[in-house]
């Protein structure tokens, strides 16, 4: 999957990954287009870093994920990893509220 930097839906400067994740999911689901912008990549890397999952950009444009088993991911797969992690944390918060 190739990263495209021209965005159909512009991401506001300063928006966090948590704030833009639903828009990414909508775009990927409805438009069936898995492009990601440079801003989205920066935001997901910051989000994963806050979650204790550091990433390193490689010279070929892919990213090394430095957690548990080292993985090398393209930009869209990196965003998918962030989306999976965010979805799991949201689900855990909802379940915790339900049982408290």
N, C-alpha and C. Protein backbone atom coordinates (compact mmCIF):
# COMPACT_ATOMS: atom_id res chain seq x y z
N UNK A 1 0.84 -1.18 0.00
CA UNK A 1 0.00 0.00 0.00
C UNK A 1 0.88 1.23 0.00
N UNK A 2 0.53 2.15 -0.79
CA UNK A 2 1.34 3.34 -0.95
C UNK A 2 0.74 4.50 -0.17
N UNK A 3 1.59 5.30 0.42
CA UNK A 3 1.13 6.48 1.14
C UNK A 3 0.91 7.61 0.15
N UNK A 4 -0.25 8.25 0.22
CA UNK A 4 -0.50 9.44 -0.57
C UNK A 4 -0.61 10.59 0.38
N UNK A 5 0.01 11.70 0.05
CA UNK A 5 0.03 12.82 0.96
C UNK A 5 -1.01 13.87 0.62
N UNK A 6 -1.62 13.80 -0.54
CA UNK A 6 -2.72 14.72 -0.86
C UNK A 6 -3.97 14.13 -0.23
N UNK A 7 -4.62 14.90 0.60
CA UNK A 7 -5.75 14.40 1.38
C UNK A 7 -7.08 14.87 0.83
N UNK A 8 -8.04 13.95 0.70
CA UNK A 8 -9.41 14.33 0.34
C UNK A 8 -10.07 15.01 1.52
N UNK A 9 -9.79 14.54 2.70
CA UNK A 9 -10.34 15.10 3.94
C UNK A 9 -9.17 15.63 4.74
N UNK A 10 -9.01 16.92 4.80
CA UNK A 10 -7.85 17.50 5.48
C UNK A 10 -7.96 17.30 6.99
N UNK A 11 -6.83 16.98 7.59
CA UNK A 11 -6.75 16.81 9.03
C UNK A 11 -6.33 18.15 9.63
N UNK A 12 -7.07 18.59 10.63
CA UNK A 12 -6.74 19.86 11.28
C UNK A 12 -5.40 19.76 11.99
N UNK A 13 -4.61 20.82 11.91
CA UNK A 13 -3.34 20.86 12.64
C UNK A 13 -3.63 20.74 14.13
N UNK A 14 -2.85 19.94 14.81
CA UNK A 14 -2.99 19.79 16.24
C UNK A 14 -4.01 18.73 16.64
N UNK A 15 -4.71 18.13 15.70
CA UNK A 15 -5.68 17.09 16.04
C UNK A 15 -4.93 15.85 16.50
N UNK A 16 -5.43 15.19 17.52
CA UNK A 16 -4.80 13.97 18.01
C UNK A 16 -5.31 12.78 17.23
N UNK A 17 -4.57 11.67 17.33
CA UNK A 17 -5.00 10.46 16.64
C UNK A 17 -6.37 10.01 17.14
N UNK A 18 -6.59 10.14 18.45
CA UNK A 18 -7.89 9.76 19.00
C UNK A 18 -9.02 10.55 18.33
N UNK A 19 -8.77 11.81 18.00
CA UNK A 19 -9.79 12.66 17.39
C UNK A 19 -10.00 12.34 15.91
N UNK A 20 -8.98 11.88 15.23
CA UNK A 20 -9.11 11.64 13.78
C UNK A 20 -9.38 10.18 13.43
N UNK A 21 -9.31 9.29 14.42
CA UNK A 21 -9.44 7.85 14.15
C UNK A 21 -10.79 7.50 13.52
N UNK A 22 -11.87 8.08 14.01
CA UNK A 22 -13.18 7.76 13.44
C UNK A 22 -13.27 8.19 11.98
N UNK A 23 -12.67 9.32 11.65
CA UNK A 23 -12.65 9.78 10.26
C UNK A 23 -11.86 8.85 9.37
N UNK A 24 -10.75 8.33 9.87
CA UNK A 24 -9.96 7.37 9.10
C UNK A 24 -10.77 6.10 8.86
N UNK A 25 -11.42 5.61 9.91
CA UNK A 25 -12.23 4.39 9.76
C UNK A 25 -13.36 4.61 8.76
N UNK A 26 -14.01 5.76 8.82
CA UNK A 26 -15.08 6.06 7.88
C UNK A 26 -14.53 6.05 6.45
N UNK A 27 -13.42 6.75 6.25
CA UNK A 27 -12.83 6.83 4.92
C UNK A 27 -12.44 5.45 4.41
N UNK A 28 -11.84 4.65 5.27
CA UNK A 28 -11.40 3.32 4.84
C UNK A 28 -12.60 2.41 4.56
N UNK A 29 -13.66 2.53 5.35
CA UNK A 29 -14.82 1.67 5.19
C UNK A 29 -15.70 2.10 4.03
N UNK A 30 -16.04 3.36 3.96
CA UNK A 30 -16.98 3.86 2.95
C UNK A 30 -16.30 4.07 1.61
N UNK A 31 -15.17 4.75 1.62
CA UNK A 31 -14.48 5.04 0.37
C UNK A 31 -13.61 3.88 -0.10
N UNK A 32 -13.37 2.93 0.81
CA UNK A 32 -12.53 1.77 0.52
C UNK A 32 -11.16 2.18 -0.02
N UNK A 33 -10.63 3.21 0.58
CA UNK A 33 -9.34 3.76 0.18
C UNK A 33 -8.48 3.86 1.43
N UNK A 34 -7.38 3.13 1.47
CA UNK A 34 -6.57 3.06 2.69
C UNK A 34 -5.35 3.98 2.65
N UNK A 35 -5.47 5.08 1.94
CA UNK A 35 -4.37 6.05 1.95
C UNK A 35 -4.28 6.69 3.33
N UNK A 36 -3.09 7.16 3.66
CA UNK A 36 -2.89 7.89 4.91
C UNK A 36 -2.00 9.09 4.64
N UNK A 37 -2.27 10.17 5.34
CA UNK A 37 -1.50 11.39 5.15
C UNK A 37 -0.28 11.39 6.07
N UNK A 38 0.64 12.26 5.78
CA UNK A 38 1.83 12.40 6.64
C UNK A 38 1.42 12.81 8.05
N UNK A 39 0.41 13.67 8.17
CA UNK A 39 -0.07 14.10 9.48
C UNK A 39 -0.67 12.92 10.25
N UNK A 40 -1.43 12.07 9.56
CA UNK A 40 -2.02 10.90 10.23
C UNK A 40 -0.92 9.95 10.71
N UNK A 41 0.13 9.80 9.93
CA UNK A 41 1.24 8.94 10.35
C UNK A 41 1.91 9.53 11.59
N UNK A 42 2.15 10.83 11.59
CA UNK A 42 2.75 11.49 12.76
C UNK A 42 1.87 11.29 13.99
N UNK A 43 0.56 11.45 13.80
CA UNK A 43 -0.37 11.33 14.93
C UNK A 43 -0.42 9.90 15.48
N UNK A 44 -0.43 8.90 14.59
CA UNK A 44 -0.49 7.52 15.07
C UNK A 44 0.82 7.15 15.76
N UNK A 45 1.93 7.65 15.26
CA UNK A 45 3.21 7.36 15.93
C UNK A 45 3.25 7.98 17.31
N UNK A 46 2.73 9.19 17.46
CA UNK A 46 2.67 9.84 18.77
C UNK A 46 1.73 9.05 19.69
N UNK A 47 0.58 8.64 19.17
CA UNK A 47 -0.39 7.87 19.96
C UNK A 47 0.23 6.56 20.44
N UNK A 48 0.86 5.82 19.52
CA UNK A 48 1.48 4.55 19.89
C UNK A 48 2.60 4.77 20.91
N UNK A 49 3.36 5.84 20.74
CA UNK A 49 4.40 6.17 21.71
C UNK A 49 3.84 6.40 23.10
N UNK A 50 2.72 7.14 23.18
CA UNK A 50 2.06 7.37 24.48
C UNK A 50 1.55 6.07 25.07
N UNK A 51 1.21 5.11 24.20
CA UNK A 51 0.70 3.81 24.66
C UNK A 51 1.83 2.84 24.98
N UNK A 52 3.08 3.30 24.86
CA UNK A 52 4.22 2.44 25.18
C UNK A 52 4.65 1.55 24.03
N UNK A 53 4.29 1.93 22.82
CA UNK A 53 4.66 1.15 21.63
C UNK A 53 5.48 2.06 20.71
N UNK A 54 6.79 2.12 20.94
CA UNK A 54 7.61 3.02 20.13
C UNK A 54 7.77 2.53 18.69
N UNK A 55 7.90 3.48 17.78
CA UNK A 55 8.11 3.17 16.37
C UNK A 55 9.33 3.94 15.87
N UNK A 56 9.97 3.37 14.87
CA UNK A 56 11.13 4.01 14.26
C UNK A 56 10.91 4.02 12.76
N UNK A 57 11.06 5.21 12.14
CA UNK A 57 10.93 5.28 10.69
C UNK A 57 12.19 4.73 10.04
N UNK A 58 12.02 3.84 9.09
CA UNK A 58 13.15 3.24 8.37
C UNK A 58 13.45 4.04 7.11
N UNK A 59 14.65 3.91 6.56
CA UNK A 59 15.01 4.66 5.37
C UNK A 59 14.11 4.41 4.16
N UNK A 60 13.48 3.24 4.10
CA UNK A 60 12.62 2.92 2.95
C UNK A 60 11.19 3.40 3.11
N UNK A 61 10.90 4.16 4.19
CA UNK A 61 9.56 4.70 4.40
C UNK A 61 8.65 3.82 5.24
N UNK A 62 9.09 2.62 5.57
CA UNK A 62 8.31 1.77 6.45
C UNK A 62 8.68 2.09 7.89
N UNK A 63 8.03 1.40 8.83
CA UNK A 63 8.22 1.69 10.24
C UNK A 63 8.47 0.41 11.01
N UNK A 64 9.45 0.47 11.90
CA UNK A 64 9.73 -0.65 12.79
C UNK A 64 8.96 -0.41 14.08
N UNK A 65 8.23 -1.43 14.51
CA UNK A 65 7.46 -1.35 15.76
C UNK A 65 8.27 -2.08 16.82
N UNK A 66 8.67 -1.37 17.84
CA UNK A 66 9.60 -1.87 18.84
C UNK A 66 8.90 -2.42 20.08
N UNK A 67 7.93 -3.26 19.91
CA UNK A 67 7.19 -3.80 21.06
C UNK A 67 7.04 -5.30 20.85
N UNK A 68 7.17 -6.06 21.94
CA UNK A 68 7.01 -7.51 21.91
C UNK A 68 7.82 -8.11 20.76
N UNK A 69 7.19 -8.47 19.67
CA UNK A 69 7.95 -8.97 18.52
C UNK A 69 8.14 -7.82 17.56
N UNK A 70 9.37 -7.58 17.16
CA UNK A 70 9.66 -6.47 16.25
C UNK A 70 8.98 -6.74 14.91
N UNK A 71 8.28 -5.74 14.42
CA UNK A 71 7.59 -5.84 13.13
C UNK A 71 8.00 -4.66 12.27
N UNK A 72 7.94 -4.85 10.97
CA UNK A 72 8.16 -3.76 10.04
C UNK A 72 6.86 -3.60 9.26
N UNK A 73 6.28 -2.39 9.33
CA UNK A 73 4.98 -2.13 8.73
C UNK A 73 5.03 -0.95 7.79
N UNK A 74 4.21 -1.00 6.75
CA UNK A 74 3.99 0.16 5.90
C UNK A 74 3.11 1.15 6.63
N UNK A 75 2.92 2.31 6.05
CA UNK A 75 2.18 3.37 6.72
C UNK A 75 0.73 3.00 7.02
N UNK A 76 0.02 2.39 6.07
CA UNK A 76 -1.38 2.02 6.31
C UNK A 76 -1.49 0.96 7.40
N UNK A 77 -0.58 0.01 7.40
CA UNK A 77 -0.61 -1.03 8.44
C UNK A 77 -0.28 -0.44 9.82
N UNK A 78 0.58 0.57 9.85
CA UNK A 78 0.89 1.23 11.11
C UNK A 78 -0.35 1.93 11.66
N UNK A 79 -1.08 2.61 10.78
CA UNK A 79 -2.32 3.27 11.20
C UNK A 79 -3.32 2.22 11.66
N UNK A 80 -3.41 1.09 10.98
CA UNK A 80 -4.32 0.01 11.39
C UNK A 80 -3.95 -0.50 12.78
N UNK A 81 -2.66 -0.64 13.07
CA UNK A 81 -2.23 -1.04 14.41
C UNK A 81 -2.72 -0.04 15.45
N UNK A 82 -2.58 1.25 15.15
CA UNK A 82 -3.07 2.28 16.06
C UNK A 82 -4.58 2.21 16.25
N UNK A 83 -5.31 1.98 15.15
CA UNK A 83 -6.77 1.88 15.23
C UNK A 83 -7.19 0.68 16.08
N UNK A 84 -6.51 -0.45 15.91
CA UNK A 84 -6.83 -1.63 16.71
C UNK A 84 -6.59 -1.36 18.19
N UNK A 85 -5.48 -0.72 18.50
CA UNK A 85 -5.15 -0.43 19.89
C UNK A 85 -6.16 0.55 20.48
N UNK A 86 -6.52 1.59 19.73
CA UNK A 86 -7.49 2.58 20.20
C UNK A 86 -8.86 1.94 20.41
N UNK A 87 -9.29 1.10 19.49
CA UNK A 87 -10.58 0.42 19.61
C UNK A 87 -10.61 -0.45 20.86
N UNK A 88 -9.53 -1.19 21.10
CA UNK A 88 -9.47 -2.04 22.28
C UNK A 88 -9.52 -1.21 23.57
N UNK A 89 -8.83 -0.07 23.59
CA UNK A 89 -8.84 0.75 24.80
C UNK A 89 -10.22 1.38 25.02
N UNK A 90 -10.88 1.78 23.94
CA UNK A 90 -12.25 2.33 24.07
C UNK A 90 -13.20 1.26 24.58
N UNK A 91 -13.09 0.05 24.06
CA UNK A 91 -13.96 -1.05 24.48
C UNK A 91 -13.73 -1.36 25.95
N UNK A 92 -12.46 -1.37 26.37
CA UNK A 92 -12.15 -1.64 27.78
C UNK A 92 -12.72 -0.57 28.70
N UNK A 93 -12.67 0.70 28.28
CA UNK A 93 -13.25 1.78 29.10
C UNK A 93 -14.75 1.63 29.24
N UNK A 94 -15.43 1.26 28.16
CA UNK A 94 -16.89 1.09 28.20
C UNK A 94 -17.24 -0.08 29.12
N UNK A 95 -16.50 -1.19 29.01
CA UNK A 95 -16.77 -2.34 29.86
C UNK A 95 -16.49 -2.02 31.33
N UNK A 96 -15.46 -1.24 31.59
CA UNK A 96 -15.13 -0.89 32.97
C UNK A 96 -16.24 -0.04 33.58
N UNK A 97 -16.79 0.88 32.79
CA UNK A 97 -17.90 1.71 33.29
C UNK A 97 -19.14 0.87 33.56
N UNK A 98 -19.36 -0.12 32.72
CA UNK A 98 -20.54 -0.96 32.87
C UNK A 98 -20.49 -1.77 34.15
N UNK A 99 -19.30 -2.18 34.56
CA UNK A 99 -19.16 -3.04 35.73
C UNK A 99 -18.81 -2.27 37.00
N UNK A 100 -18.77 -0.96 36.92
CA UNK A 100 -18.43 -0.20 38.14
C UNK A 100 -19.65 0.35 38.82
